[in-house]
Amino acid sequence: MADRNLQIRNGKYYVVFSYKGKTKWVSTGIEAKKGNKKKAIAKRDEILAYYRKLKENKDGKLLTDYLEEWLNDMKNVLKPSTW
């Protein structure tokens, strides 16, 4: 996948994509400096996966079930204090 949806704005990497018919800019929180592009790409993939999952969650699941599933998926990304 090309890095076309990874942009630099105000010295930070942002993920740019279309969601619900609008262009969305989501910050990765990673500074745009040498050596950080791979981290930004990994974060981009996490962000896009999260929004894809939101878009797909139209099957009538209960919010609690969805949040439990999301929390398990994000276990490696979130701080232990989140649990």
Protein backbone atom coordinates (compact mmCIF):
# COMPACT_ATOMS: atom_id res chain seq x y z
CA MET A 1 0.00 0.00 0.00
CA ALA A 2 1.33 3.41 -0.90
CA ASP A 3 1.84 6.06 1.77
CA ARG A 4 -0.61 8.33 -0.02
CA ASN A 5 -2.83 8.68 3.03
CA LEU A 6 0.04 9.57 5.36
CA GLN A 7 0.60 13.33 5.33
CA ILE A 8 2.70 15.81 7.28
CA ARG A 9 1.00 18.80 8.91
CA ASN A 10 2.45 21.07 11.58
CA GLY A 11 5.46 18.78 12.02
CA LYS A 12 3.43 15.61 12.74
CA TYR A 13 2.24 12.67 10.67
CA TYR A 14 -1.49 12.51 9.95
CA VAL A 15 -3.61 9.80 8.37
CA VAL A 16 -5.95 11.21 5.70
CA PHE A 17 -8.92 9.15 4.54
CA SER A 18 -12.58 9.36 3.64
CA TYR A 19 -15.10 8.37 6.32
CA LYS A 20 -18.87 8.77 6.00
CA GLY A 21 -18.38 10.89 2.90
CA LYS A 22 -16.00 13.37 4.52
CA THR A 23 -12.23 13.70 4.46
CA LYS A 24 -10.83 12.96 7.88
CA TRP A 25 -7.39 13.95 9.20
CA VAL A 26 -6.34 11.89 12.24
CA SER A 27 -3.08 12.63 14.01
CA THR A 28 -0.72 9.74 14.67
CA GLY A 29 0.93 11.77 17.42
CA ILE A 30 4.31 11.00 15.84
CA GLU A 31 6.71 13.80 14.93
CA ALA A 32 7.67 14.03 11.27
CA LYS A 33 11.40 13.61 11.59
CA LYS A 34 13.99 11.21 10.25
CA GLY A 35 13.52 7.65 11.48
CA ASN A 36 9.84 7.98 12.42
CA LYS A 37 8.19 7.10 9.12
CA LYS A 38 7.98 3.35 9.86
CA LYS A 39 6.34 4.10 13.22
CA ALA A 40 3.89 6.43 11.47
CA ILE A 41 3.06 3.76 8.88
CA ALA A 42 2.37 1.21 11.63
CA LYS A 43 0.15 3.72 13.45
CA ARG A 44 -1.61 4.54 10.16
CA ASP A 45 -2.44 0.86 9.71
CA GLU A 46 -3.89 0.70 13.25
CA ILE A 47 -6.00 3.81 12.70
CA LEU A 48 -7.34 2.61 9.34
CA ALA A 49 -8.14 -0.83 10.80
CA TYR A 50 -10.06 0.84 13.63
CA TYR A 51 -12.16 2.93 11.23
CA ARG A 52 -12.77 -0.05 8.93
CA LYS A 53 -14.06 -1.96 11.92
CA LEU A 54 -16.35 0.92 12.86
CA LYS A 55 -17.71 1.00 9.33
CA GLU A 56 -18.31 -2.75 9.32
CA ASN A 57 -20.10 -2.71 12.69
CA LYS A 58 -23.56 -2.33 11.23
CA ASP A 59 -24.71 -5.87 12.01
CA GLY A 60 -26.73 -4.94 15.10
CA LYS A 61 -24.17 -5.90 17.75
CA LEU A 62 -24.67 -4.47 21.19
CA LEU A 63 -22.26 -1.68 22.02
CA THR A 64 -20.92 -3.61 25.01
CA ASP A 65 -20.09 -6.61 22.83
CA TYR A 66 -18.40 -4.41 20.26
CA LEU A 67 -16.36 -2.56 22.90
CA GLU A 68 -15.20 -5.81 24.50
CA GLU A 69 -14.07 -7.07 21.09
CA TRP A 70 -12.34 -3.76 20.35
CA LEU A 71 -10.58 -3.75 23.71
CA ASN A 72 -9.25 -7.25 23.09
CA ASP A 73 -8.03 -6.22 19.63
CA MET A 74 -6.29 -3.14 21.04
CA LYS A 75 -4.71 -4.97 23.99
CA ASN A 76 -1.20 -4.59 22.57
CA VAL A 77 -1.67 -0.90 21.75
CA LEU A 78 -3.32 0.41 24.92
CA LYS A 79 -1.62 1.02 28.23
CA PRO A 80 -2.27 -1.60 30.93
CA SER A 81 -4.02 1.04 33.04
CA THR A 82 -6.82 1.05 30.44
CA TRP A 83 -7.80 -2.42 31.53
